[in-house]
Amino acid sequence: MKINASVVFTGFGVSGGCSFRWGLNECINEQSGFIGFDTFEGLPDAIGIFE
């Protein structure tokens, strides 16, 4: 079922993005906006040449 409505979708914690990708594929309205967010613990400590 394709969705032909103008939507703004924000996803929080999208991780692998499976559900988010489904929404992108199902929405055919070009006026729609999709923004996906995920969290992380921050940047790792400096290790070797990576500082």
PDB file of N, CA and C in Angstrom:
ATOM      1  N   MET A   1       0.850  -1.173   0.000  1.00  0.00           N
ATOM      2  CA  MET A   1       0.000   0.000   0.000  1.00  0.00           C
ATOM      3  C   MET A   1       0.898   1.239   0.000  1.00  0.00           C
ATOM      4  N   LYS A   2       0.856   2.021  -1.037  1.00  0.00           N
ATOM      5  CA  LYS A   2       1.644   3.246  -1.119  1.00  0.00           C
ATOM      6  C   LYS A   2       0.871   4.401  -0.488  1.00  0.00           C
ATOM      7  N   ILE A   3       1.598   5.300   0.146  1.00  0.00           N
ATOM      8  CA  ILE A   3       1.004   6.443   0.843  1.00  0.00           C
ATOM      9  C   ILE A   3       1.240   7.687  -0.003  1.00  0.00           C
ATOM     10  N   ASN A   4       0.168   8.369  -0.405  1.00  0.00           N
ATOM     11  CA  ASN A   4       0.294   9.567  -1.222  1.00  0.00           C
ATOM     12  C   ASN A   4      -0.168  10.786  -0.434  1.00  0.00           C
ATOM     13  N   ALA A   5       0.373  10.949   0.760  1.00  0.00           N
ATOM     14  CA  ALA A   5       0.066  12.106   1.596  1.00  0.00           C
ATOM     15  C   ALA A   5       1.373  12.810   1.917  1.00  0.00           C
ATOM     16  N   SER A   6       1.317  14.117   2.065  1.00  0.00           N
ATOM     17  CA  SER A   6       2.500  14.869   2.455  1.00  0.00           C
ATOM     18  C   SER A   6       2.701  14.706   3.956  1.00  0.00           C
ATOM     19  N   VAL A   7       3.784  14.050   4.337  1.00  0.00           N
ATOM     20  CA  VAL A   7       4.060  13.794   5.748  1.00  0.00           C
ATOM     21  C   VAL A   7       5.457  14.281   6.097  1.00  0.00           C
ATOM     22  N   VAL A   8       5.651  14.569   7.369  1.00  0.00           N
ATOM     23  CA  VAL A   8       6.983  14.809   7.914  1.00  0.00           C
ATOM     24  C   VAL A   8       7.191  13.736   8.961  1.00  0.00           C
ATOM     25  N   PHE A   9       8.169  12.875   8.734  1.00  0.00           N
ATOM     26  CA  PHE A   9       8.409  11.748   9.621  1.00  0.00           C
ATOM     27  C   PHE A   9       9.764  11.917  10.277  1.00  0.00           C
ATOM     28  N   THR A  10       9.794  11.886  11.595  1.00  0.00           N
ATOM     29  CA  THR A  10      11.056  11.883  12.325  1.00  0.00           C
ATOM     30  C   THR A  10      11.130  10.592  13.114  1.00  0.00           C
ATOM     31  N   GLY A  11      12.214   9.883  12.937  1.00  0.00           N
ATOM     32  CA  GLY A  11      12.420   8.631  13.656  1.00  0.00           C
ATOM     33  C   GLY A  11      13.581   8.783  14.617  1.00  0.00           C
ATOM     34  N   PHE A  12      13.377   8.387  15.855  1.00  0.00           N
ATOM     35  CA  PHE A  12      14.425   8.483  16.872  1.00  0.00           C
ATOM     36  C   PHE A  12      14.862   7.079  17.257  1.00  0.00           C
ATOM     37  N   GLY A  13      16.165   6.836  17.248  1.00  0.00           N
ATOM     38  CA  GLY A  13      16.682   5.503  17.527  1.00  0.00           C
ATOM     39  C   GLY A  13      16.495   4.571  16.351  1.00  0.00           C
ATOM     40  N   VAL A  14      16.834   5.035  15.155  1.00  0.00           N
ATOM     41  CA  VAL A  14      16.561   4.253  13.951  1.00  0.00           C
ATOM     42  C   VAL A  14      17.477   3.042  13.789  1.00  0.00           C
ATOM     43  N   SER A  15      18.605   3.037  14.458  1.00  0.00           N
ATOM     44  CA  SER A  15      19.552   1.906  14.434  1.00  0.00           C
ATOM     45  C   SER A  15      19.805   1.447  13.009  1.00  0.00           C
ATOM     46  N   GLY A  16      19.391   0.247  12.657  1.00  0.00           N
ATOM     47  CA  GLY A  16      19.618  -0.279  11.306  1.00  0.00           C
ATOM     48  C   GLY A  16      18.733   0.351  10.256  1.00  0.00           C
ATOM     49  N   GLY A  17      17.651   0.995  10.669  1.00  0.00           N
ATOM     50  CA  GLY A  17      16.796   1.736   9.759  1.00  0.00           C
ATOM     51  C   GLY A  17      15.750   0.925   9.012  1.00  0.00           C
ATOM     52  N   CYS A  18      15.444  -0.282   9.462  1.00  0.00           N
ATOM     53  CA  CYS A  18      14.494  -1.138   8.738  1.00  0.00           C
ATOM     54  C   CYS A  18      13.111  -0.487   8.624  1.00  0.00           C
ATOM     55  N   SER A  19      12.544  -0.056   9.733  1.00  0.00           N
ATOM     56  CA  SER A  19      11.216   0.585   9.704  1.00  0.00           C
ATOM     57  C   SER A  19      11.273   1.923   8.985  1.00  0.00           C
ATOM     58  N   PHE A  20      12.357   2.644   9.180  1.00  0.00           N
ATOM     59  CA  PHE A  20      12.525   3.945   8.534  1.00  0.00           C
ATOM     60  C   PHE A  20      12.580   3.768   7.018  1.00  0.00           C
ATOM     61  N   ARG A  21      13.338   2.794   6.560  1.00  0.00           N
ATOM     62  CA  ARG A  21      13.449   2.503   5.130  1.00  0.00           C
ATOM     63  C   ARG A  21      12.103   2.091   4.549  1.00  0.00           C
ATOM     64  N   TRP A  22      11.311   1.334   5.323  1.00  0.00           N
ATOM     65  CA  TRP A  22       9.985   0.933   4.870  1.00  0.00           C
ATOM     66  C   TRP A  22       9.141   2.178   4.591  1.00  0.00           C
ATOM     67  N   GLY A  23       9.167   3.158   5.512  1.00  0.00           N
ATOM     68  CA  GLY A  23       8.407   4.389   5.323  1.00  0.00           C
ATOM     69  C   GLY A  23       8.850   5.153   4.089  1.00  0.00           C
ATOM     70  N   LEU A  24      10.149   5.220   3.871  1.00  0.00           N
ATOM     71  CA  LEU A  24      10.665   5.895   2.675  1.00  0.00           C
ATOM     72  C   LEU A  24      10.170   5.229   1.400  1.00  0.00           C
ATOM     73  N   ASN A  25      10.144   3.916   1.400  1.00  0.00           N
ATOM     74  CA  ASN A  25       9.715   3.176   0.208  1.00  0.00           C
ATOM     75  C   ASN A  25       8.212   3.253  -0.020  1.00  0.00           C
ATOM     76  N   GLU A  26       7.427   3.363   1.033  1.00  0.00           N
ATOM     77  CA  GLU A  26       5.969   3.349   0.909  1.00  0.00           C
ATOM     78  C   GLU A  26       5.371   4.724   0.611  1.00  0.00           C
ATOM     79  N   CYS A  27       6.059   5.790   0.971  1.00  0.00           N
ATOM     80  CA  CYS A  27       5.531   7.140   0.759  1.00  0.00           C
ATOM     81  C   CYS A  27       5.975   7.641  -0.614  1.00  0.00           C
ATOM     82  N   ILE A  28       5.010   7.902  -1.491  1.00  0.00           N
ATOM     83  CA  ILE A  28       5.335   8.315  -2.861  1.00  0.00           C
ATOM     84  C   ILE A  28       5.166   9.819  -3.079  1.00  0.00           C
ATOM     85  N   ASN A  29       4.746  10.547  -2.058  1.00  0.00           N
ATOM     86  CA  ASN A  29       4.559  11.987  -2.176  1.00  0.00           C
ATOM     87  C   ASN A  29       5.914  12.681  -2.057  1.00  0.00           C
ATOM     88  N   GLU A  30       6.304  13.407  -3.096  1.00  0.00           N
ATOM     89  CA  GLU A  30       7.615  14.058  -3.121  1.00  0.00           C
ATOM     90  C   GLU A  30       7.725  15.230  -2.155  1.00  0.00           C
ATOM     91  N   GLN A  31       6.615  15.704  -1.614  1.00  0.00           N
ATOM     92  CA  GLN A  31       6.632  16.809  -0.657  1.00  0.00           C
ATOM     93  C   GLN A  31       6.910  16.332   0.772  1.00  0.00           C
ATOM     94  N   SER A  32       6.999  15.037   0.969  1.00  0.00           N
ATOM     95  CA  SER A  32       7.221  14.474   2.301  1.00  0.00           C
ATOM     96  C   SER A  32       8.676  14.622   2.719  1.00  0.00           C
ATOM     97  N   GLY A  33       8.881  14.645   4.021  1.00  0.00           N
ATOM     98  CA  GLY A  33      10.231  14.733   4.568  1.00  0.00           C
ATOM     99  C   GLY A  33      10.471  13.633   5.589  1.00  0.00           C
ATOM    100  N   PHE A  34      11.628  13.015   5.509  1.00  0.00           N
ATOM    101  CA  PHE A  34      12.001  11.944   6.429  1.00  0.00           C
ATOM    102  C   PHE A  34      13.350  12.278   7.054  1.00  0.00           C
ATOM    103  N   ILE A  35      13.395  12.278   8.380  1.00  0.00           N
ATOM    104  CA  ILE A  35      14.634  12.550   9.106  1.00  0.00           C
ATOM    105  C   ILE A  35      14.800  11.463  10.157  1.00  0.00           C
ATOM    106  N   GLY A  36      15.929  10.768  10.137  1.00  0.00           N
ATOM    107  CA  GLY A  36      16.182   9.700  11.099  1.00  0.00           C
ATOM    108  C   GLY A  36      17.323  10.058  12.032  1.00  0.00           C
ATOM    109  N   PHE A  37      17.124   9.820  13.315  1.00  0.00           N
ATOM    110  CA  PHE A  37      18.138  10.089  14.333  1.00  0.00           C
ATOM    111  C   PHE A  37      18.497   8.793  15.042  1.00  0.00           C
ATOM    112  N   ASP A  38      19.733   8.678  15.448  1.00  0.00           N
ATOM    113  CA  ASP A  38      20.151   7.578  16.298  1.00  0.00           C
ATOM    114  C   ASP A  38      21.133   8.153  17.317  1.00  0.00           C
ATOM    115  N   THR A  39      21.308   7.469  18.405  1.00  0.00           N
ATOM    116  CA  THR A  39      22.199   7.966  19.455  1.00  0.00           C
ATOM    117  C   THR A  39      23.437   7.095  19.544  1.00  0.00           C
ATOM    118  N   PHE A  40      24.464   7.658  20.133  1.00  0.00           N
ATOM    119  CA  PHE A  40      25.664   6.891  20.409  1.00  0.00           C
ATOM    120  C   PHE A  40      26.277   7.440  21.682  1.00  0.00           C
ATOM    121  N   GLU A  41      27.220   6.729  22.219  1.00  0.00           N
ATOM    122  CA  GLU A  41      27.816   7.083  23.509  1.00  0.00           C
ATOM    123  C   GLU A  41      28.879   8.166  23.391  1.00  0.00           C
ATOM    124  N   GLY A  42      29.113   8.674  22.228  1.00  0.00           N
ATOM    125  CA  GLY A  42      30.155   9.679  22.044  1.00  0.00           C
ATOM    126  C   GLY A  42      31.330   9.082  21.283  1.00  0.00           C
ATOM    127  N   LEU A  43      32.307   9.895  21.041  1.00  0.00           N
ATOM    128  CA  LEU A  43      33.477   9.442  20.305  1.00  0.00           C
ATOM    129  C   LEU A  43      34.380   8.622  21.217  1.00  0.00           C
ATOM    130  N   PRO A  44      35.084   7.637  20.661  1.00  0.00           N
ATOM    131  CA  PRO A  44      35.974   6.819  21.490  1.00  0.00           C
ATOM    132  C   PRO A  44      37.192   7.613  21.949  1.00  0.00           C
ATOM    133  N   ASP A  45      37.857   7.097  22.966  1.00  0.00           N
ATOM    134  CA  ASP A  45      39.098   7.714  23.434  1.00  0.00           C
ATOM    135  C   ASP A  45      40.153   7.630  22.341  1.00  0.00           C
ATOM    136  N   ALA A  46      41.135   8.531  22.423  1.00  0.00           N
ATOM    137  CA  ALA A  46      42.231   8.510  21.459  1.00  0.00           C
ATOM    138  C   ALA A  46      43.013   7.207  21.606  1.00  0.00           C
ATOM    139  N   ILE A  47      43.216   6.519  20.476  1.00  0.00           N
ATOM    140  CA  ILE A  47      43.956   5.258  20.475  1.00  0.00           C
ATOM    141  C   ILE A  47      44.996   5.324  19.366  1.00  0.00           C
ATOM    142  N   GLY A  48      46.254   5.194  19.716  1.00  0.00           N
ATOM    143  CA  GLY A  48      47.322   5.186  18.719  1.00  0.00           C
ATOM    144  C   GLY A  48      47.346   6.468  17.907  1.00  0.00           C
ATOM    145  N   ILE A  49      47.294   6.321  16.583  1.00  0.00           N
ATOM    146  CA  ILE A  49      47.361   7.490  15.703  1.00  0.00           C
ATOM    147  C   ILE A  49      46.025   8.217  15.600  1.00  0.00           C
ATOM    148  N   PHE A  50      44.953   7.627  16.122  1.00  0.00           N
ATOM    149  CA  PHE A  50      43.626   8.236  16.050  1.00  0.00           C
ATOM    150  C   PHE A  50      43.395   9.092  17.286  1.00  0.00           C
ATOM    151  N   GLU A  51      43.562  10.388  17.147  1.00  0.00           N
ATOM    152  CA  GLU A  51      43.383  11.291  18.291  1.00  0.00           C
ATOM    153  C   GLU A  51      42.328  12.323  18.004  1.00  0.00           C
TER     154      GLU A  51
END
